[in-house]
C-alpha atoms as a PDB file:
ATOM      1  CA  MET A   1     101.210 159.850 274.460  1.00  0.00           C
ATOM      2  CA  GLU A   2     104.959 160.994 275.463  1.00  0.00           C
ATOM      3  CA  THR A   3     105.244 159.157 279.199  1.00  0.00           C
ATOM      4  CA  GLN A   4     107.304 160.414 281.649  1.00  0.00           C
ATOM      5  CA  THR A   5     108.578 158.835 285.384  1.00  0.00           C
ATOM      6  CA  PRO A   6     109.355 161.535 288.298  1.00  0.00           C
ATOM      7  CA  GLN A   7     113.179 162.607 288.339  1.00  0.00           C
ATOM      8  CA  ALA A   8     112.953 166.254 288.287  1.00  0.00           C
ATOM      9  CA  LEU A   9     112.865 167.155 291.867  1.00  0.00           C
ATOM     10  CA  SER A  10     115.687 169.605 292.208  1.00  0.00           C
ATOM     11  CA  ALA A  11     118.853 167.430 293.634  1.00  0.00           C
ATOM     12  CA  GLN A  12     118.819 169.359 297.072  1.00  0.00           C
ATOM     13  CA  THR A  13     115.404 168.249 297.167  1.00  0.00           C
ATOM     14  CA  ARG A  14     115.612 164.433 296.411  1.00  0.00           C
ATOM     15  CA  ASP A  15     119.138 164.334 298.377  1.00  0.00           C
ATOM     16  CA  ARG A  16     117.544 165.655 301.822  1.00  0.00           C
ATOM     17  CA  ALA A  17     115.034 163.376 301.477  1.00  0.00           C
ATOM     18  CA  ARG A  18     116.291 159.864 300.749  1.00  0.00           C
ATOM     19  CA  THR A  19     119.031 160.990 303.847  1.00  0.00           C
ATOM     20  CA  LEU A  20     116.062 161.532 305.878  1.00  0.00           C
ATOM     21  CA  LEU A  21     114.651 158.006 304.631  1.00  0.00           C
ATOM     22  CA  ALA A  22     117.861 156.382 305.112  1.00  0.00           C
ATOM     23  CA  ARG A  23     117.902 157.842 308.924  1.00  0.00           C
ATOM     24  CA  ALA A  24     114.324 156.745 309.761  1.00  0.00           C
ATOM     25  CA  TYR A  25     115.541 153.026 308.871  1.00  0.00           C
ATOM     26  CA  GLU A  26     118.863 153.131 310.727  1.00  0.00           C
ATOM     27  CA  GLU A  27     116.512 154.891 313.881  1.00  0.00           C
ATOM     28  CA  ALA A  28     114.537 151.737 313.438  1.00  0.00           C
ATOM     29  CA  ALA A  29     117.124 149.330 313.127  1.00  0.00           C
ATOM     30  CA  THR A  30     118.722 150.261 316.301  1.00  0.00           C
ATOM     31  CA  MET A  31     115.392 150.612 318.512  1.00  0.00           C
ATOM     32  CA  PRO A  32     113.401 147.631 316.882  1.00  0.00           C
ATOM     33  CA  GLY A  33     109.488 147.790 318.054  1.00  0.00           C
ATOM     34  CA  THR A  34     109.653 151.656 319.104  1.00  0.00           C
ATOM     35  CA  LEU A  35     107.975 154.642 317.810  1.00  0.00           C
ATOM     36  CA  LEU A  36     110.158 156.658 315.787  1.00  0.00           C
ATOM     37  CA  PRO A  37     111.082 159.989 317.572  1.00  0.00           C
ATOM     38  CA  ASN A  38     109.059 162.954 316.991  1.00  0.00           C
ATOM     39  CA  GLU A  39     111.746 164.720 315.734  1.00  0.00           C
ATOM     40  CA  ILE A  40     112.409 162.214 312.947  1.00  0.00           C
ATOM     41  CA  LEU A  41     108.563 162.623 311.776  1.00  0.00           C
ATOM     42  CA  THR A  42     108.442 166.154 312.099  1.00  0.00           C
ATOM     43  CA  ASP A  43     111.823 165.852 309.539  1.00  0.00           C
ATOM     44  CA  LEU A  44     109.449 163.556 307.008  1.00  0.00           C
ATOM     45  CA  ARG A  45     106.591 165.449 307.288  1.00  0.00           C
ATOM     46  CA  TYR A  46     108.440 168.720 306.206  1.00  0.00           C
ATOM     47  CA  MET A  47     110.514 166.785 303.398  1.00  0.00           C
ATOM     48  CA  ALA A  48     106.803 165.488 302.105  1.00  0.00           C
ATOM     49  CA  TRP A  49     106.427 169.570 301.957  1.00  0.00           C
ATOM     50  CA  ARG A  50     109.316 170.482 300.103  1.00  0.00           C
ATOM     51  CA  ILE A  51     108.056 167.935 297.533  1.00  0.00           C
ATOM     52  CA  LEU A  52     105.096 168.981 297.088  1.00  0.00           C
ATOM     53  CA  ALA A  53     105.970 172.690 296.729  1.00  0.00           C
ATOM     54  CA  GLU A  54     108.224 171.844 294.333  1.00  0.00           C
ATOM     55  CA  VAL A  55     105.371 169.493 292.410  1.00  0.00           C
ATOM     56  CA  VAL A  56     102.877 172.513 292.567  1.00  0.00           C
ATOM     57  CA  ASP A  57     105.512 174.613 291.280  1.00  0.00           C
ATOM     58  CA  ARG A  58     107.087 172.766 288.005  1.00  0.00           C
ATOM     59  CA  GLY A  59     103.663 171.310 287.510  1.00  0.00           C
ATOM     60  CA  LYS A  60     104.259 168.377 284.634  1.00  0.00           C
ATOM     61  CA  ASN A  61     107.322 169.551 284.743  1.00  0.00           C
ATOM     62  CA  ALA A  62     108.155 167.590 287.737  1.00  0.00           C
ATOM     63  CA  LEU A  63     107.943 164.265 285.371  1.00  0.00           C
ATOM     64  CA  SER A  64     111.298 163.853 282.912  1.00  0.00           C
ATOM     65  CA  SER A  65     111.782 160.358 281.349  1.00  0.00           C
ATOM     66  CA  GLY A  66     114.189 157.531 282.472  1.00  0.00           C
ATOM     67  CA  ASN A  67     114.717 156.132 286.058  1.00  0.00           C
ATOM     68  CA  GLY A  68     118.008 155.010 286.343  1.00  0.00           C
ATOM     69  CA  SER A  69     118.072 154.226 289.794  1.00  0.00           C
ATOM     70  CA  ARG A  70     119.833 150.656 291.058  1.00  0.00           C
ATOM     71  CA  PRO A  71     117.224 148.102 292.584  1.00  0.00           C
ATOM     72  CA  ALA A  72     119.468 148.787 295.710  1.00  0.00           C
ATOM     73  CA  ALA A  73     118.357 152.387 295.853  1.00  0.00           C
ATOM     74  CA  TYR A  74     114.593 151.429 295.261  1.00  0.00           C
ATOM     75  CA  ASN A  75     113.149 151.610 299.143  1.00  0.00           C
ATOM     76  CA  LEU A  76     114.549 155.364 299.069  1.00  0.00           C
ATOM     77  CA  ASN A  77     113.749 156.491 295.884  1.00  0.00           C
ATOM     78  CA  HIS A  78     110.170 154.989 295.576  1.00  0.00           C
ATOM     79  CA  PRO A  79     108.193 157.415 298.310  1.00  0.00           C
ATOM     80  CA  ILE A  80     109.782 160.084 296.840  1.00  0.00           C
ATOM     81  CA  ASP A  81     109.208 159.614 292.964  1.00  0.00           C
ATOM     82  CA  ALA A  82     105.260 157.896 294.397  1.00  0.00           C
ATOM     83  CA  THR A  83     104.400 161.170 296.179  1.00  0.00           C
ATOM     84  CA  VAL A  84     105.258 163.187 293.012  1.00  0.00           C
ATOM     85  CA  VAL A  85     102.934 161.440 290.795  1.00  0.00           C
ATOM     86  CA  GLY A  86     100.122 160.714 293.566  1.00  0.00           C
ATOM     87  CA  VAL A  87     100.793 164.827 293.931  1.00  0.00           C
ATOM     88  CA  LEU A  88      99.934 165.517 289.956  1.00  0.00           C
ATOM     89  CA  ILE A  89      97.274 163.131 290.175  1.00  0.00           C
ATOM     90  CA  GLY A  90      95.657 164.952 293.279  1.00  0.00           C
ATOM     91  CA  ARG A  91      95.987 168.468 291.123  1.00  0.00           C
ATOM     92  CA  GLU A  92      93.624 166.888 288.955  1.00  0.00           C
ATOM     93  CA  LEU A  93      91.006 166.068 291.526  1.00  0.00           C
ATOM     94  CA  LEU A  94      91.486 167.575 294.916  1.00  0.00           C
ATOM     95  CA  ASP A  95      91.297 171.604 295.830  1.00  0.00           C
ATOM     96  CA  ASP A  96      95.172 172.640 296.873  1.00  0.00           C
ATOM     97  CA  SER A  97      94.278 173.104 299.930  1.00  0.00           C
ATOM     98  CA  ALA A  98      94.230 169.265 300.645  1.00  0.00           C
ATOM     99  CA  LEU A  99      97.337 168.380 298.781  1.00  0.00           C
ATOM    100  CA  GLU A 100      99.783 168.777 301.693  1.00  0.00           C
ATOM    101  CA  ASP A 101      97.903 166.023 303.679  1.00  0.00           C
ATOM    102  CA  LEU A 102      98.348 163.736 300.368  1.00  0.00           C
ATOM    103  CA  GLY A 103     101.725 164.638 300.130  1.00  0.00           C
ATOM    104  CA  THR A 104     102.600 163.924 303.413  1.00  0.00           C
ATOM    105  CA  GLY A 105     100.677 160.576 303.285  1.00  0.00           C
ATOM    106  CA  LEU A 106     101.962 159.387 299.977  1.00  0.00           C
ATOM    107  CA  PHE A 107     105.568 159.774 301.429  1.00  0.00           C
ATOM    108  CA  LEU A 108     105.031 157.953 304.312  1.00  0.00           C
ATOM    109  CA  GLN A 109     103.089 155.396 302.889  1.00  0.00           C
ATOM    110  CA  ASP A 110     105.797 152.608 303.417  1.00  0.00           C
ATOM    111  CA  ILE A 111     106.797 153.724 306.720  1.00  0.00           C
ATOM    112  CA  GLY A 112     105.890 150.291 308.087  1.00  0.00           C
ATOM    113  CA  ASN A 113     108.658 148.727 306.347  1.00  0.00           C
ATOM    114  CA  LEU A 114     110.431 150.004 308.971  1.00  0.00           C
ATOM    115  CA  ALA A 115     109.153 147.344 311.378  1.00  0.00           C
ATOM    116  CA  LEU A 116     109.665 144.471 309.177  1.00  0.00           C
ATOM    117  CA  PRO A 117     113.508 142.710 309.023  1.00  0.00           C
ATOM    118  CA  PRO A 118     115.613 144.254 306.438  1.00  0.00           C
ATOM    119  CA  GLY A 119     116.372 141.105 305.068  1.00  0.00           C
ATOM    120  CA  LEU A 120     112.868 141.001 303.870  1.00  0.00           C
ATOM    121  CA  VAL A 121     112.472 144.554 302.891  1.00  0.00           C
ATOM    122  CA  GLN A 122     115.566 144.451 300.624  1.00  0.00           C
ATOM    123  CA  LYS A 123     115.164 140.677 299.800  1.00  0.00           C
ATOM    124  CA  GLU A 124     116.712 139.869 296.044  1.00  0.00           C
ATOM    125  CA  GLY A 125     114.093 137.881 294.448  1.00  0.00           C
ATOM    126  CA  PRO A 126     110.179 136.729 294.909  1.00  0.00           C
ATOM    127  CA  LEU A 127     108.849 136.232 298.271  1.00  0.00           C
ATOM    128  CA  GLU A 128     107.821 133.289 300.113  1.00  0.00           C
ATOM    129  CA  ASP A 129     104.416 132.740 301.251  1.00  0.00           C
ATOM    130  CA  ASP A 130     105.199 133.503 304.680  1.00  0.00           C
ATOM    131  CA  GLU A 131     107.028 136.354 303.929  1.00  0.00           C
ATOM    132  CA  TRP A 132     104.109 138.043 301.774  1.00  0.00           C
ATOM    133  CA  ALA A 133     102.173 137.424 304.511  1.00  0.00           C
ATOM    134  CA  LEU A 134     104.512 139.656 307.050  1.00  0.00           C
ATOM    135  CA  MET A 135     105.162 142.259 304.197  1.00  0.00           C
ATOM    136  CA  MET A 136     100.919 142.577 303.829  1.00  0.00           C
ATOM    137  CA  GLN A 137     101.371 143.459 307.126  1.00  0.00           C
ATOM    138  CA  HIS A 138     103.007 147.082 306.935  1.00  0.00           C
ATOM    139  CA  PRO A 139     100.366 149.171 306.191  1.00  0.00           C
ATOM    140  CA  LEU A 140      99.014 148.452 309.794  1.00  0.00           C
ATOM    141  CA  LEU A 141     102.737 148.621 310.702  1.00  0.00           C
ATOM    142  CA  GLY A 142     102.886 151.998 309.721  1.00  0.00           C
ATOM    143  CA  LEU A 143     100.000 152.979 311.780  1.00  0.00           C
ATOM    144  CA  ALA A 144     101.817 152.044 314.814  1.00  0.00           C
ATOM    145  CA  PHE A 145     104.587 154.516 313.694  1.00  0.00           C
ATOM    146  CA  LEU A 146     102.148 157.792 313.605  1.00  0.00           C
ATOM    147  CA  HIS A 147     101.662 157.740 317.470  1.00  0.00           C
ATOM    148  CA  ASP A 148     100.161 161.403 317.504  1.00  0.00           C
ATOM    149  CA  ASP A 149      97.898 164.352 316.026  1.00  0.00           C
ATOM    150  CA  SER A 150     100.823 165.850 313.866  1.00  0.00           C
ATOM    151  CA  ILE A 151     100.052 163.155 311.048  1.00  0.00           C
ATOM    152  CA  SER A 152      96.433 164.325 309.741  1.00  0.00           C
ATOM    153  CA  PRO A 153      93.806 161.406 309.803  1.00  0.00           C
ATOM    154  CA  ALA A 154      93.444 161.828 305.838  1.00  0.00           C
ATOM    155  CA  ALA A 155      97.704 161.465 305.714  1.00  0.00           C
ATOM    156  CA  LYS A 156      97.095 158.362 307.878  1.00  0.00           C
ATOM    157  CA  ALA A 157      94.517 156.900 305.597  1.00  0.00           C
ATOM    158  CA  VAL A 158      97.056 156.634 302.701  1.00  0.00           C
ATOM    159  CA  VAL A 159      99.543 154.633 304.388  1.00  0.00           C
ATOM    160  CA  ARG A 160      96.375 152.459 305.995  1.00  0.00           C
ATOM    161  CA  SER A 161      94.924 151.559 302.418  1.00  0.00           C
ATOM    162  CA  HIS A 162      97.333 152.183 299.678  1.00  0.00           C
ATOM    163  CA  HIS A 163      97.421 148.484 298.650  1.00  0.00           C
ATOM    164  CA  GLU A 164      93.568 148.190 298.809  1.00  0.00           C
ATOM    165  CA  ARG A 165      91.770 147.679 295.600  1.00  0.00           C
ATOM    166  CA  TRP A 166      88.872 148.929 293.801  1.00  0.00           C
ATOM    167  CA  ASP A 167      87.192 145.516 293.268  1.00  0.00           C
ATOM    168  CA  GLY A 168      87.989 144.393 297.028  1.00  0.00           C
ATOM    169  CA  SER A 169      91.005 141.969 296.136  1.00  0.00           C
ATOM    170  CA  GLY A 170      93.043 144.468 298.126  1.00  0.00           C
ATOM    171  CA  TYR A 171      95.131 144.672 301.567  1.00  0.00           C
ATOM    172  CA  PRO A 172      94.627 144.781 304.768  1.00  0.00           C
ATOM    173  CA  SER A 173      90.782 144.698 305.440  1.00  0.00           C
ATOM    174  CA  GLY A 174      89.398 144.381 301.466  1.00  0.00           C
ATOM    175  CA  LEU A 175      87.554 147.450 301.251  1.00  0.00           C
ATOM    176  CA  ILE A 176      85.456 148.013 298.032  1.00  0.00           C
ATOM    177  CA  GLY A 177      84.827 150.805 295.460  1.00  0.00           C
ATOM    178  CA  GLY A 178      84.273 154.155 297.695  1.00  0.00           C
ATOM    179  CA  GLU A 179      85.075 152.633 300.951  1.00  0.00           C
ATOM    180  CA  ILE A 180      88.577 153.360 300.273  1.00  0.00           C
ATOM    181  CA  PRO A 181      89.342 156.614 301.233  1.00  0.00           C
ATOM    182  CA  LEU A 182      89.993 159.169 297.635  1.00  0.00           C
ATOM    183  CA  PHE A 183      93.750 159.942 299.085  1.00  0.00           C
ATOM    184  CA  ALA A 184      94.409 156.054 299.393  1.00  0.00           C
ATOM    185  CA  ARG A 185      93.021 155.695 295.737  1.00  0.00           C
ATOM    186  CA  ILE A 186      95.113 157.856 294.657  1.00  0.00           C
ATOM    187  CA  ALA A 187      97.989 156.209 295.813  1.00  0.00           C
ATOM    188  CA  ALA A 188      97.004 153.222 294.757  1.00  0.00           C
ATOM    189  CA  VAL A 189      97.979 154.409 290.993  1.00  0.00           C
ATOM    190  CA  ALA A 190     100.898 156.052 292.035  1.00  0.00           C
ATOM    191  CA  ASP A 191     102.607 153.484 293.951  1.00  0.00           C
ATOM    192  CA  VAL A 192     101.858 151.134 291.538  1.00  0.00           C
ATOM    193  CA  PHE A 193     103.048 153.003 288.587  1.00  0.00           C
ATOM    194  CA  ASP A 194     106.124 154.205 290.145  1.00  0.00           C
ATOM    195  CA  ALA A 195     107.099 150.384 291.230  1.00  0.00           C
ATOM    196  CA  VAL A 196     106.885 148.800 287.771  1.00  0.00           C
ATOM    197  CA  THR A 197     109.011 151.150 286.234  1.00  0.00           C
ATOM    198  CA  SER A 198     111.689 151.436 288.608  1.00  0.00           C
ATOM    199  CA  GLN A 199     114.392 148.808 288.826  1.00  0.00           C
ATOM    200  CA  ARG A 200     113.806 146.501 291.479  1.00  0.00           C
ATOM    201  CA  HIS A 201     115.638 143.363 292.944  1.00  0.00           C
ATOM    202  CA  HIS A 202     113.112 141.159 291.561  1.00  0.00           C
ATOM    203  CA  ALA A 203     111.974 142.790 288.348  1.00  0.00           C
ATOM    204  CA  PRO A 204     113.097 145.295 285.757  1.00  0.00           C
ATOM    205  CA  ALA A 205     111.914 148.404 285.230  1.00  0.00           C
ATOM    206  CA  MET A 206     109.026 148.532 282.373  1.00  0.00           C
ATOM    207  CA  ASP A 207     109.106 150.719 279.932  1.00  0.00           C
ATOM    208  CA  PRO A 208     106.414 154.063 281.041  1.00  0.00           C
ATOM    209  CA  ARG A 209     104.456 153.655 278.617  1.00  0.00           C
ATOM    210  CA  HIS A 210     103.422 149.951 278.858  1.00  0.00           C
ATOM    211  CA  ALA A 211     103.157 150.963 282.882  1.00  0.00           C
ATOM    212  CA  VAL A 212     100.294 153.121 281.642  1.00  0.00           C
ATOM    213  CA  GLU A 213      98.579 150.336 279.824  1.00  0.00           C
ATOM    214  CA  LEU A 214      99.009 148.330 282.505  1.00  0.00           C
ATOM    215  CA  ILE A 215      97.210 150.918 284.895  1.00  0.00           C
ATOM    216  CA  ARG A 216      94.505 151.590 282.374  1.00  0.00           C
ATOM    217  CA  GLY A 217      93.951 147.890 282.258  1.00  0.00           C
ATOM    218  CA  GLY A 218      93.476 147.689 285.908  1.00  0.00           C
ATOM    219  CA  SER A 219      90.757 150.406 285.662  1.00  0.00           C
ATOM    220  CA  GLY A 220      87.590 149.520 287.723  1.00  0.00           C
ATOM    221  CA  THR A 221      89.294 146.032 289.107  1.00  0.00           C
ATOM    222  CA  ASP A 222      92.171 147.003 290.847  1.00  0.00           C
ATOM    223  CA  PHE A 223      92.265 151.322 290.489  1.00  0.00           C
ATOM    224  CA  ASP A 224      89.071 153.600 290.591  1.00  0.00           C
ATOM    225  CA  PRO A 225      88.242 154.754 286.959  1.00  0.00           C
ATOM    226  CA  MET A 226      88.012 158.131 288.230  1.00  0.00           C
ATOM    227  CA  VAL A 227      91.443 158.166 289.118  1.00  0.00           C
ATOM    228  CA  VAL A 228      92.907 156.444 286.418  1.00  0.00           C
ATOM    229  CA  GLU A 229      91.436 158.943 284.056  1.00  0.00           C
ATOM    230  CA  ALA A 230      93.037 161.986 286.285  1.00  0.00           C
ATOM    231  CA  PHE A 231      96.314 159.761 286.384  1.00  0.00           C
ATOM    232  CA  VAL A 232      96.398 159.636 282.166  1.00  0.00           C
ATOM    233  CA  ASP A 233      95.341 163.387 282.306  1.00  0.00           C
ATOM    234  CA  ALA A 234      98.432 164.072 285.263  1.00  0.00           C
ATOM    235  CA  ILE A 235     101.046 162.571 283.068  1.00  0.00           C
ATOM    236  CA  ASP A 236     100.289 163.157 279.722  1.00  0.00           C
ATOM    237  CA  GLY A 237     103.199 165.304 278.684  1.00  0.00           C
END
């Protein structure tokens, strides 16, 4: 199997997505503790649709080998690339009509990080126990930003539950198996695959082939076996 990582979005789409995410971070920094303006949420939702459209158009060609992003760029690149992976998985499991909600949830899954101190989100090195406890609040904090009905319940379920684990060991609620919404189970795999194949401050990028084995090893414990099977099918180049 030739394993691939997401880099083949058009430069225009990737640059626009990074710009919108950076703008959201800046807005949150200047208005701590307040809701994001609806204009920004609308732009982020539209950006998720653009990424989805390119992935659907290119199919497996939306993936290409290598992720050369610097660690400092991780917080902007991760939502983009996790969306690519998640949509490709979703195409194996869902009707096309469900992909827009999935893509929106994937792109917004870490929006709760906007409510956390920038020094925590961008920390170089492992988190202390108290810092990790705060970081684990980001799924619930993310829901607070999605303050109107423009974001569907299905997309919000991704934001809330993408860190839940199949065996109940995840957070924030310790949901088990089918208690976890399917969209969130898809996001869990996409999130971890992109994270471990990316350059991060506290960890080097893992070879994609090893990352696939990591995901496979988590089937039935961390991840829904059905989603893992769809993931392998989706990235088998």
